[in-house]
Amino acid sequence: HDTRFDDPRFRLGFATLVTHYWSNAAFLEEEALLDNADRLTGIPGVLIHGRLDISGPADVPWNLAARWSDAELQLLDDAGHGGGSMNSANVAATNRFARRV
């Protein structure tokens, strides 16, 4: 439980920011991320996405992983937008990258 959300001012600010950001398509041109994915070649990354995430469909990381040759896609069957197995997957991916350094 994130205690910041107990504060109604934080909730309002968060909701305002998220609504503004997404109503403006993240301030990106259409397909900008996918069209420029080749610029990530040689940079390893892990895309971790919960199948139960109702705020972001799984086709977004799926399509990015298809164009980013050095990306690893992990679709978590039991996760939504965060928490639980999502946290564990993020920690595991971070630890793998830390061992490379």
PDB file of N, CA and C in Angstrom:
ATOM      1  N   HIS A   1       0.840  -1.184   0.000  1.00  0.00           N
ATOM      2  CA  HIS A   1       0.000   0.000   0.000  1.00  0.00           C
ATOM      3  C   HIS A   1       0.881   1.242   0.000  1.00  0.00           C
ATOM      4  N   ASP A   2       0.680   2.095  -0.987  1.00  0.00           N
ATOM      5  CA  ASP A   2       1.430   3.345  -1.090  1.00  0.00           C
ATOM      6  C   ASP A   2       0.687   4.412  -0.290  1.00  0.00           C
ATOM      7  N   THR A   3       1.254   4.815   0.822  1.00  0.00           N
ATOM      8  CA  THR A   3       0.568   5.742   1.729  1.00  0.00           C
ATOM      9  C   THR A   3       0.384   7.138   1.134  1.00  0.00           C
ATOM     10  N   ARG A   4       1.105   7.459   0.072  1.00  0.00           N
ATOM     11  CA  ARG A   4       0.898   8.771  -0.562  1.00  0.00           C
ATOM     12  C   ARG A   4      -0.543   8.920  -1.039  1.00  0.00           C
ATOM     13  N   PHE A   5      -1.148   7.800  -1.432  1.00  0.00           N
ATOM     14  CA  PHE A   5      -2.519   7.858  -1.940  1.00  0.00           C
ATOM     15  C   PHE A   5      -3.548   8.068  -0.834  1.00  0.00           C
ATOM     16  N   ASP A   6      -3.128   8.056   0.416  1.00  0.00           N
ATOM     17  CA  ASP A   6      -4.031   8.380   1.522  1.00  0.00           C
ATOM     18  C   ASP A   6      -4.326   9.878   1.566  1.00  0.00           C
ATOM     19  N   ASP A   7      -3.462  10.662   0.980  1.00  0.00           N
ATOM     20  CA  ASP A   7      -3.614  12.118   0.970  1.00  0.00           C
ATOM     21  C   ASP A   7      -4.449  12.530  -0.246  1.00  0.00           C
ATOM     22  N   PRO A   8      -5.623  13.140  -0.036  1.00  0.00           N
ATOM     23  CA  PRO A   8      -6.474  13.519  -1.166  1.00  0.00           C
ATOM     24  C   PRO A   8      -5.801  14.515  -2.113  1.00  0.00           C
ATOM     25  N   ARG A   9      -4.899  15.348  -1.609  1.00  0.00           N
ATOM     26  CA  ARG A   9      -4.186  16.288  -2.486  1.00  0.00           C
ATOM     27  C   ARG A   9      -3.246  15.537  -3.424  1.00  0.00           C
ATOM     28  N   PHE A  10      -2.588  14.510  -2.897  1.00  0.00           N
ATOM     29  CA  PHE A  10      -1.708  13.705  -3.747  1.00  0.00           C
ATOM     30  C   PHE A  10      -2.530  12.987  -4.813  1.00  0.00           C
ATOM     31  N   ARG A  11      -3.654  12.386  -4.402  1.00  0.00           N
ATOM     32  CA  ARG A  11      -4.504  11.672  -5.363  1.00  0.00           C
ATOM     33  C   ARG A  11      -4.966  12.596  -6.482  1.00  0.00           C
ATOM     34  N   LEU A  12      -5.390  13.807  -6.131  1.00  0.00           N
ATOM     35  CA  LEU A  12      -5.843  14.758  -7.140  1.00  0.00           C
ATOM     36  C   LEU A  12      -4.699  15.154  -8.069  1.00  0.00           C
ATOM     37  N   GLY A  13      -3.541  15.444  -7.509  1.00  0.00           N
ATOM     38  CA  GLY A  13      -2.395  15.803  -8.331  1.00  0.00           C
ATOM     39  C   GLY A  13      -1.971  14.675  -9.254  1.00  0.00           C
ATOM     40  N   PHE A  14      -1.954  13.466  -8.720  1.00  0.00           N
ATOM     41  CA  PHE A  14      -1.575  12.297  -9.513  1.00  0.00           C
ATOM     42  C   PHE A  14      -2.570  12.082 -10.651  1.00  0.00           C
ATOM     43  N   ALA A  15      -3.860  12.131 -10.329  1.00  0.00           N
ATOM     44  CA  ALA A  15      -4.895  11.926 -11.347  1.00  0.00           C
ATOM     45  C   ALA A  15      -4.832  13.011 -12.418  1.00  0.00           C
ATOM     46  N   THR A  16      -4.575  14.239 -12.008  1.00  0.00           N
ATOM     47  CA  THR A  16      -4.474  15.343 -12.965  1.00  0.00           C
ATOM     48  C   THR A  16      -3.289  15.141 -13.901  1.00  0.00           C
ATOM     49  N   LEU A  17      -2.149  14.772 -13.345  1.00  0.00           N
ATOM     50  CA  LEU A  17      -0.953  14.550 -14.148  1.00  0.00           C
ATOM     51  C   LEU A  17      -1.149  13.403 -15.136  1.00  0.00           C
ATOM     52  N   VAL A  18      -1.650  12.287 -14.657  1.00  0.00           N
ATOM     53  CA  VAL A  18      -1.847  11.124 -15.523  1.00  0.00           C
ATOM     54  C   VAL A  18      -2.851  11.435 -16.631  1.00  0.00           C
ATOM     55  N   THR A  19      -3.953  12.075 -16.269  1.00  0.00           N
ATOM     56  CA  THR A  19      -4.976  12.411 -17.262  1.00  0.00           C
ATOM     57  C   THR A  19      -4.419  13.356 -18.317  1.00  0.00           C
ATOM     58  N   HIS A  20      -3.675  14.362 -17.895  1.00  0.00           N
ATOM     59  CA  HIS A  20      -3.085  15.317 -18.838  1.00  0.00           C
ATOM     60  C   HIS A  20      -2.087  14.622 -19.763  1.00  0.00           C
ATOM     61  N   TYR A  21      -1.245  13.790 -19.184  1.00  0.00           N
ATOM     62  CA  TYR A  21      -0.216  13.088 -19.946  1.00  0.00           C
ATOM     63  C   TYR A  21      -0.844  12.189 -21.013  1.00  0.00           C
ATOM     64  N   TRP A  22      -1.781  11.346 -20.614  1.00  0.00           N
ATOM     65  CA  TRP A  22      -2.356  10.391 -21.557  1.00  0.00           C
ATOM     66  C   TRP A  22      -3.346  11.024 -22.517  1.00  0.00           C
ATOM     67  N   SER A  23      -4.019  12.089 -22.128  1.00  0.00           N
ATOM     68  CA  SER A  23      -4.933  12.748 -23.068  1.00  0.00           C
ATOM     69  C   SER A  23      -4.162  13.457 -24.179  1.00  0.00           C
ATOM     70  N   ASN A  24      -2.867  13.643 -23.981  1.00  0.00           N
ATOM     71  CA  ASN A  24      -2.004  14.233 -25.003  1.00  0.00           C
ATOM     72  C   ASN A  24      -1.073  13.202 -25.630  1.00  0.00           C
ATOM     73  N   ALA A  25      -1.471  11.938 -25.574  1.00  0.00           N
ATOM     74  CA  ALA A  25      -0.721  10.836 -26.197  1.00  0.00           C
ATOM     75  C   ALA A  25       0.748  10.848 -25.783  1.00  0.00           C
ATOM     76  N   ALA A  26       0.986  11.116 -24.505  1.00  0.00           N
ATOM     77  CA  ALA A  26       2.335  11.132 -23.932  1.00  0.00           C
ATOM     78  C   ALA A  26       3.251  12.136 -24.633  1.00  0.00           C
ATOM     79  N   PHE A  27       2.646  13.106 -25.315  1.00  0.00           N
ATOM     80  CA  PHE A  27       3.381  14.156 -26.018  1.00  0.00           C
ATOM     81  C   PHE A  27       4.333  13.592 -27.075  1.00  0.00           C
ATOM     82  N   LEU A  28       3.954  12.449 -27.632  1.00  0.00           N
ATOM     83  CA  LEU A  28       4.728  11.819 -28.702  1.00  0.00           C
ATOM     84  C   LEU A  28       3.930  11.848 -29.995  1.00  0.00           C
ATOM     85  N   GLU A  29       4.624  11.932 -31.106  1.00  0.00           N
ATOM     86  CA  GLU A  29       3.954  11.802 -32.392  1.00  0.00           C
ATOM     87  C   GLU A  29       3.494  10.360 -32.553  1.00  0.00           C
ATOM     88  N   GLU A  30       2.490  10.146 -33.358  1.00  0.00           N
ATOM     89  CA  GLU A  30       1.957   8.810 -33.610  1.00  0.00           C
ATOM     90  C   GLU A  30       3.086   7.862 -34.019  1.00  0.00           C
ATOM     91  N   GLU A  31       3.182   6.728 -33.355  1.00  0.00           N
ATOM     92  CA  GLU A  31       4.170   5.684 -33.648  1.00  0.00           C
ATOM     93  C   GLU A  31       5.621   6.120 -33.421  1.00  0.00           C
ATOM     94  N   ALA A  32       5.860   7.216 -32.731  1.00  0.00           N
ATOM     95  CA  ALA A  32       7.232   7.715 -32.542  1.00  0.00           C
ATOM     96  C   ALA A  32       8.119   6.691 -31.852  1.00  0.00           C
ATOM     97  N   LEU A  33       7.607   6.037 -30.841  1.00  0.00           N
ATOM     98  CA  LEU A  33       8.418   5.067 -30.110  1.00  0.00           C
ATOM     99  C   LEU A  33       8.780   3.881 -31.002  1.00  0.00           C
ATOM    100  N   LEU A  34       7.788   3.323 -31.676  1.00  0.00           N
ATOM    101  CA  LEU A  34       8.056   2.161 -32.529  1.00  0.00           C
ATOM    102  C   LEU A  34       8.921   2.529 -33.731  1.00  0.00           C
ATOM    103  N   ASP A  35       8.663   3.688 -34.321  1.00  0.00           N
ATOM    104  CA  ASP A  35       9.435   4.095 -35.498  1.00  0.00           C
ATOM    105  C   ASP A  35      10.905   4.344 -35.183  1.00  0.00           C
ATOM    106  N   ASN A  36      11.224   4.607 -33.925  1.00  0.00           N
ATOM    107  CA  ASN A  36      12.607   4.889 -33.534  1.00  0.00           C
ATOM    108  C   ASN A  36      13.230   3.780 -32.695  1.00  0.00           C
ATOM    109  N   ALA A  37      12.560   2.645 -32.610  1.00  0.00           N
ATOM    110  CA  ALA A  37      13.055   1.543 -31.778  1.00  0.00           C
ATOM    111  C   ALA A  37      14.421   1.047 -32.235  1.00  0.00           C
ATOM    112  N   ASP A  38      14.725   1.183 -33.510  1.00  0.00           N
ATOM    113  CA  ASP A  38      16.028   0.729 -34.006  1.00  0.00           C
ATOM    114  C   ASP A  38      17.182   1.499 -33.359  1.00  0.00           C
ATOM    115  N   ARG A  39      16.911   2.663 -32.823  1.00  0.00           N
ATOM    116  CA  ARG A  39      17.950   3.445 -32.148  1.00  0.00           C
ATOM    117  C   ARG A  39      18.389   2.788 -30.842  1.00  0.00           C
ATOM    118  N   LEU A  40      17.608   1.824 -30.374  1.00  0.00           N
ATOM    119  CA  LEU A  40      17.941   1.105 -29.144  1.00  0.00           C
ATOM    120  C   LEU A  40      18.830  -0.115 -29.400  1.00  0.00           C
ATOM    121  N   THR A  41      19.129  -0.396 -30.656  1.00  0.00           N
ATOM    122  CA  THR A  41      19.966  -1.541 -30.991  1.00  0.00           C
ATOM    123  C   THR A  41      21.291  -1.457 -30.232  1.00  0.00           C
ATOM    124  N   GLY A  42      21.643  -2.565 -29.592  1.00  0.00           N
ATOM    125  CA  GLY A  42      22.867  -2.626 -28.809  1.00  0.00           C
ATOM    126  C   GLY A  42      22.674  -2.273 -27.347  1.00  0.00           C
ATOM    127  N   ILE A  43      21.495  -1.805 -27.014  1.00  0.00           N
ATOM    128  CA  ILE A  43      21.184  -1.467 -25.621  1.00  0.00           C
ATOM    129  C   ILE A  43      20.235  -2.539 -25.092  1.00  0.00           C
ATOM    130  N   PRO A  44      20.669  -3.326 -24.118  1.00  0.00           N
ATOM    131  CA  PRO A  44      19.782  -4.359 -23.586  1.00  0.00           C
ATOM    132  C   PRO A  44      18.692  -3.750 -22.708  1.00  0.00           C
ATOM    133  N   GLY A  45      17.554  -4.391 -22.706  1.00  0.00           N
ATOM    134  CA  GLY A  45      16.456  -3.932 -21.859  1.00  0.00           C
ATOM    135  C   GLY A  45      15.484  -5.056 -21.581  1.00  0.00           C
ATOM    136  N   VAL A  46      14.724  -4.897 -20.542  1.00  0.00           N
ATOM    137  CA  VAL A  46      13.696  -5.865 -20.176  1.00  0.00           C
ATOM    138  C   VAL A  46      12.376  -5.118 -20.100  1.00  0.00           C
ATOM    139  N   LEU A  47      11.405  -5.571 -20.860  1.00  0.00           N
ATOM    140  CA  LEU A  47      10.058  -5.010 -20.826  1.00  0.00           C
ATOM    141  C   LEU A  47       9.203  -5.956 -19.995  1.00  0.00           C
ATOM    142  N   ILE A  48       8.740  -5.488 -18.854  1.00  0.00           N
ATOM    143  CA  ILE A  48       7.958  -6.314 -17.938  1.00  0.00           C
ATOM    144  C   ILE A  48       6.548  -5.755 -17.917  1.00  0.00           C
ATOM    145  N   HIS A  49       5.584  -6.596 -18.265  1.00  0.00           N
ATOM    146  CA  HIS A  49       4.207  -6.117 -18.395  1.00  0.00           C
ATOM    147  C   HIS A  49       3.239  -7.149 -17.834  1.00  0.00           C
ATOM    148  N   GLY A  50       2.266  -6.672 -17.086  1.00  0.00           N
ATOM    149  CA  GLY A  50       1.236  -7.551 -16.550  1.00  0.00           C
ATOM    150  C   GLY A  50       0.084  -7.711 -17.525  1.00  0.00           C
ATOM    151  N   ARG A  51      -0.315  -8.943 -17.781  1.00  0.00           N
ATOM    152  CA  ARG A  51      -1.441  -9.188 -18.693  1.00  0.00           C
ATOM    153  C   ARG A  51      -2.747  -8.585 -18.178  1.00  0.00           C
ATOM    154  N   LEU A  52      -2.833  -8.368 -16.876  1.00  0.00           N
ATOM    155  CA  LEU A  52      -4.055  -7.831 -16.276  1.00  0.00           C
ATOM    156  C   LEU A  52      -4.037  -6.304 -16.177  1.00  0.00           C
ATOM    157  N   ASP A  53      -3.074  -5.662 -16.808  1.00  0.00           N
ATOM    158  CA  ASP A  53      -2.956  -4.200 -16.767  1.00  0.00           C
ATOM    159  C   ASP A  53      -4.018  -3.589 -17.675  1.00  0.00           C
ATOM    160  N   ILE A  54      -5.051  -3.011 -17.074  1.00  0.00           N
ATOM    161  CA  ILE A  54      -6.126  -2.433 -17.881  1.00  0.00           C
ATOM    162  C   ILE A  54      -5.772  -1.041 -18.393  1.00  0.00           C
ATOM    163  N   SER A  55      -4.724  -0.431 -17.845  1.00  0.00           N
ATOM    164  CA  SER A  55      -4.349   0.908 -18.299  1.00  0.00           C
ATOM    165  C   SER A  55      -3.390   0.872 -19.487  1.00  0.00           C
ATOM    166  N   GLY A  56      -2.816  -0.278 -19.762  1.00  0.00           N
ATOM    167  CA  GLY A  56      -1.889  -0.396 -20.880  1.00  0.00           C
ATOM    168  C   GLY A  56      -1.977  -1.783 -21.486  1.00  0.00           C
ATOM    169  N   PRO A  57      -2.488  -1.894 -22.695  1.00  0.00           N
ATOM    170  CA  PRO A  57      -2.612  -3.213 -23.319  1.00  0.00           C
ATOM    171  C   PRO A  57      -1.259  -3.851 -23.607  1.00  0.00           C
ATOM    172  N   ALA A  58      -1.228  -5.161 -23.602  1.00  0.00           N
ATOM    173  CA  ALA A  58       0.020  -5.908 -23.783  1.00  0.00           C
ATOM    174  C   ALA A  58       0.598  -5.770 -25.185  1.00  0.00           C
ATOM    175  N   ASP A  59      -0.186  -5.289 -26.142  1.00  0.00           N
ATOM    176  CA  ASP A  59       0.370  -5.141 -27.485  1.00  0.00           C
ATOM    177  C   ASP A  59       1.430  -4.039 -27.549  1.00  0.00           C
ATOM    178  N   VAL A  60       1.404  -3.112 -26.608  1.00  0.00           N
ATOM    179  CA  VAL A  60       2.402  -2.036 -26.615  1.00  0.00           C
ATOM    180  C   VAL A  60       3.808  -2.600 -26.385  1.00  0.00           C
ATOM    181  N   PRO A  61       4.073  -3.299 -25.281  1.00  0.00           N
ATOM    182  CA  PRO A  61       5.417  -3.864 -25.120  1.00  0.00           C
ATOM    183  C   PRO A  61       5.708  -4.972 -26.136  1.00  0.00           C
ATOM    184  N   TRP A  62       4.687  -5.700 -26.543  1.00  0.00           N
ATOM    185  CA  TRP A  62       4.862  -6.765 -27.542  1.00  0.00           C
ATOM    186  C   TRP A  62       5.412  -6.170 -28.841  1.00  0.00           C
ATOM    187  N   ASN A  63       4.781  -5.099 -29.323  1.00  0.00           N
ATOM    188  CA  ASN A  63       5.218  -4.461 -30.568  1.00  0.00           C
ATOM    189  C   ASN A  63       6.592  -3.812 -30.421  1.00  0.00           C
ATOM    190  N   LEU A  64       6.870  -3.232 -29.265  1.00  0.00           N
ATOM    191  CA  LEU A  64       8.188  -2.638 -29.046  1.00  0.00           C
ATOM    192  C   LEU A  64       9.264  -3.718 -29.025  1.00  0.00           C
ATOM    193  N   ALA A  65       9.001  -4.821 -28.341  1.00  0.00           N
ATOM    194  CA  ALA A  65       9.980  -5.918 -28.283  1.00  0.00           C
ATOM    195  C   ALA A  65      10.247  -6.496 -29.669  1.00  0.00           C
ATOM    196  N   ALA A  66       9.229  -6.504 -30.518  1.00  0.00           N
ATOM    197  CA  ALA A  66       9.402  -7.020 -31.879  1.00  0.00           C
ATOM    198  C   ALA A  66      10.356  -6.148 -32.692  1.00  0.00           C
ATOM    199  N   ARG A  67      10.460  -4.877 -32.346  1.00  0.00           N
ATOM    200  CA  ARG A  67      11.321  -3.957 -33.094  1.00  0.00           C
ATOM    201  C   ARG A  67      12.636  -3.639 -32.382  1.00  0.00           C
ATOM    202  N   TRP A  68      12.740  -4.027 -31.124  1.00  0.00           N
ATOM    203  CA  TRP A  68      13.947  -3.759 -30.327  1.00  0.00           C
ATOM    204  C   TRP A  68      14.669  -5.084 -30.147  1.00  0.00           C
ATOM    205  N   SER A  69      15.692  -5.309 -30.953  1.00  0.00           N
ATOM    206  CA  SER A  69      16.340  -6.622 -31.012  1.00  0.00           C
ATOM    207  C   SER A  69      16.995  -7.040 -29.699  1.00  0.00           C
ATOM    208  N   ASP A  70      17.363  -6.105 -28.868  1.00  0.00           N
ATOM    209  CA  ASP A  70      18.044  -6.436 -27.615  1.00  0.00           C
ATOM    210  C   ASP A  70      17.119  -6.403 -26.402  1.00  0.00           C
ATOM    211  N   ALA A  71      15.820  -6.419 -26.665  1.00  0.00           N
ATOM    212  CA  ALA A  71      14.851  -6.396 -25.563  1.00  0.00           C
ATOM    213  C   ALA A  71      14.392  -7.803 -25.221  1.00  0.00           C
ATOM    214  N   GLU A  72      14.149  -7.998 -23.950  1.00  0.00           N
ATOM    215  CA  GLU A  72      13.541  -9.234 -23.445  1.00  0.00           C
ATOM    216  C   GLU A  72      12.152  -8.844 -22.948  1.00  0.00           C
ATOM    217  N   LEU A  73      11.139  -9.536 -23.423  1.00  0.00           N
ATOM    218  CA  LEU A  73       9.768  -9.256 -23.004  1.00  0.00           C
ATOM    219  C   LEU A  73       9.317 -10.302 -22.002  1.00  0.00           C
ATOM    220  N   GLN A  74       8.824  -9.835 -20.863  1.00  0.00           N
ATOM    221  CA  GLN A  74       8.235 -10.720 -19.860  1.00  0.00           C
ATOM    222  C   GLN A  74       6.781 -10.300 -19.670  1.00  0.00           C
ATOM    223  N   LEU A  75       5.852 -11.166 -20.067  1.00  0.00           N
ATOM    224  CA  LEU A  75       4.429 -10.931 -19.836  1.00  0.00           C
ATOM    225  C   LEU A  75       4.023 -11.764 -18.629  1.00  0.00           C
ATOM    226  N   LEU A  76       3.591 -11.092 -17.586  1.00  0.00           N
ATOM    227  CA  LEU A  76       3.248 -11.762 -16.332  1.00  0.00           C
ATOM    228  C   LEU A  76       1.749 -12.031 -16.285  1.00  0.00           C
ATOM    229  N   ASP A  77       1.393 -13.306 -16.218  1.00  0.00           N
ATOM    230  CA  ASP A  77      -0.017 -13.694 -16.249  1.00  0.00           C
ATOM    231  C   ASP A  77      -0.810 -13.204 -15.050  1.00  0.00           C
ATOM    232  N   ASP A  78      -0.170 -13.094 -13.901  1.00  0.00           N
ATOM    233  CA  ASP A  78      -0.899 -12.790 -12.667  1.00  0.00           C
ATOM    234  C   ASP A  78      -0.728 -11.349 -12.199  1.00  0.00           C
ATOM    235  N   ALA A  79      -0.238 -10.467 -13.060  1.00  0.00           N
ATOM    236  CA  ALA A  79       0.050  -9.091 -12.636  1.00  0.00           C
ATOM    237  C   ALA A  79      -0.770  -8.092 -13.433  1.00  0.00           C
ATOM    238  N   GLY A  80      -1.002  -6.964 -12.786  1.00  0.00           N
ATOM    239  CA  GLY A  80      -1.652  -5.841 -13.442  1.00  0.00           C
ATOM    240  C   GLY A  80      -0.614  -4.779 -13.741  1.00  0.00           C
ATOM    241  N   HIS A  81      -0.837  -3.573 -13.210  1.00  0.00           N
ATOM    242  CA  HIS A  81       0.061  -2.453 -13.478  1.00  0.00           C
ATOM    243  C   HIS A  81       1.222  -2.389 -12.492  1.00  0.00           C
ATOM    244  N   GLY A  82       1.171  -3.166 -11.440  1.00  0.00           N
ATOM    245  CA  GLY A  82       2.263  -3.158 -10.476  1.00  0.00           C
ATOM    246  C   GLY A  82       1.963  -4.069  -9.308  1.00  0.00           C
ATOM    247  N   GLY A  83       2.929  -4.191  -8.423  1.00  0.00           N
ATOM    248  CA  GLY A  83       2.762  -5.004  -7.228  1.00  0.00           C
ATOM    249  C   GLY A  83       3.028  -6.474  -7.491  1.00  0.00           C
ATOM    250  N   GLY A  84       3.104  -7.231  -6.417  1.00  0.00           N
ATOM    251  CA  GLY A  84       3.243  -8.686  -6.501  1.00  0.00           C
ATOM    252  C   GLY A  84       4.369  -9.151  -7.390  1.00  0.00           C
ATOM    253  N   SER A  85       4.024  -9.977  -8.367  1.00  0.00           N
ATOM    254  CA  SER A  85       5.040 -10.553  -9.242  1.00  0.00           C
ATOM    255  C   SER A  85       5.720  -9.493 -10.108  1.00  0.00           C
ATOM    256  N   MET A  86       5.053  -8.365 -10.324  1.00  0.00           N
ATOM    257  CA  MET A  86       5.665  -7.270 -11.082  1.00  0.00           C
ATOM    258  C   MET A  86       6.888  -6.749 -10.323  1.00  0.00           C
ATOM    259  N   ASN A  87       6.742  -6.554  -9.030  1.00  0.00           N
ATOM    260  CA  ASN A  87       7.880  -6.094  -8.221  1.00  0.00           C
ATOM    261  C   ASN A  87       9.012  -7.108  -8.251  1.00  0.00           C
ATOM    262  N   SER A  88       8.683  -8.377  -8.105  1.00  0.00           N
ATOM    263  CA  SER A  88       9.705  -9.430  -8.122  1.00  0.00           C
ATOM    264  C   SER A  88      10.435  -9.469  -9.457  1.00  0.00           C
ATOM    265  N   ALA A  89       9.697  -9.329 -10.552  1.00  0.00           N
ATOM    266  CA  ALA A  89      10.310  -9.347 -11.883  1.00  0.00           C
ATOM    267  C   ALA A  89      11.219  -8.142 -12.083  1.00  0.00           C
ATOM    268  N   ASN A  90      10.800  -6.981 -11.602  1.00  0.00           N
ATOM    269  CA  ASN A  90      11.640  -5.779 -11.704  1.00  0.00           C
ATOM    270  C   ASN A  90      12.932  -5.933 -10.913  1.00  0.00           C
ATOM    271  N   VAL A  91      12.836  -6.474  -9.714  1.00  0.00           N
ATOM    272  CA  VAL A  91      14.029  -6.689  -8.886  1.00  0.00           C
ATOM    273  C   VAL A  91      14.958  -7.697  -9.554  1.00  0.00           C
ATOM    274  N   ALA A  92      14.400  -8.787 -10.070  1.00  0.00           N
ATOM    275  CA  ALA A  92      15.219  -9.810 -10.723  1.00  0.00           C
ATOM    276  C   ALA A  92      15.936  -9.239 -11.949  1.00  0.00           C
ATOM    277  N   ALA A  93      15.231  -8.457 -12.754  1.00  0.00           N
ATOM    278  CA  ALA A  93      15.848  -7.860 -13.945  1.00  0.00           C
ATOM    279  C   ALA A  93      16.942  -6.877 -13.544  1.00  0.00           C
ATOM    280  N   THR A  94      16.673  -6.070 -12.539  1.00  0.00           N
ATOM    281  CA  THR A  94      17.673  -5.107 -12.064  1.00  0.00           C
ATOM    282  C   THR A  94      18.913  -5.823 -11.542  1.00  0.00           C
ATOM    283  N   ASN A  95      18.710  -6.896 -10.803  1.00  0.00           N
ATOM    284  CA  ASN A  95      19.848  -7.666 -10.285  1.00  0.00           C
ATOM    285  C   ASN A  95      20.673  -8.272 -11.415  1.00  0.00           C
ATOM    286  N   ARG A  96      20.012  -8.754 -12.466  1.00  0.00           N
ATOM    287  CA  ARG A  96      20.756  -9.307 -13.607  1.00  0.00           C
ATOM    288  C   ARG A  96      21.621  -8.237 -14.266  1.00  0.00           C
ATOM    289  N   PHE A  97      21.056  -7.032 -14.436  1.00  0.00           N
ATOM    290  CA  PHE A  97      21.839  -5.943 -15.028  1.00  0.00           C
ATOM    291  C   PHE A  97      22.986  -5.535 -14.111  1.00  0.00           C
ATOM    292  N   ALA A  98      22.746  -5.520 -12.814  1.00  0.00           N
ATOM    293  CA  ALA A  98      23.796  -5.138 -11.855  1.00  0.00           C
ATOM    294  C   ALA A  98      24.966  -6.114 -11.904  1.00  0.00           C
ATOM    295  N   ARG A  99      24.689  -7.393 -12.126  1.00  0.00           N
ATOM    296  CA  ARG A  99      25.767  -8.390 -12.201  1.00  0.00           C
ATOM    297  C   ARG A  99      26.621  -8.198 -13.448  1.00  0.00           C
ATOM    298  N   ARG A 100      26.100  -7.549 -14.474  1.00  0.00           N
ATOM    299  CA  ARG A 100      26.861  -7.315 -15.706  1.00  0.00           C
ATOM    300  C   ARG A 100      27.902  -6.215 -15.543  1.00  0.00           C
ATOM    301  N   VAL A 101      27.696  -5.356 -14.570  1.00  0.00           N
ATOM    302  CA  VAL A 101      28.571  -4.185 -14.404  1.00  0.00           C
ATOM    303  C   VAL A 101      29.856  -4.570 -13.711  1.00  0.00           C
TER     304      VAL A 101
END
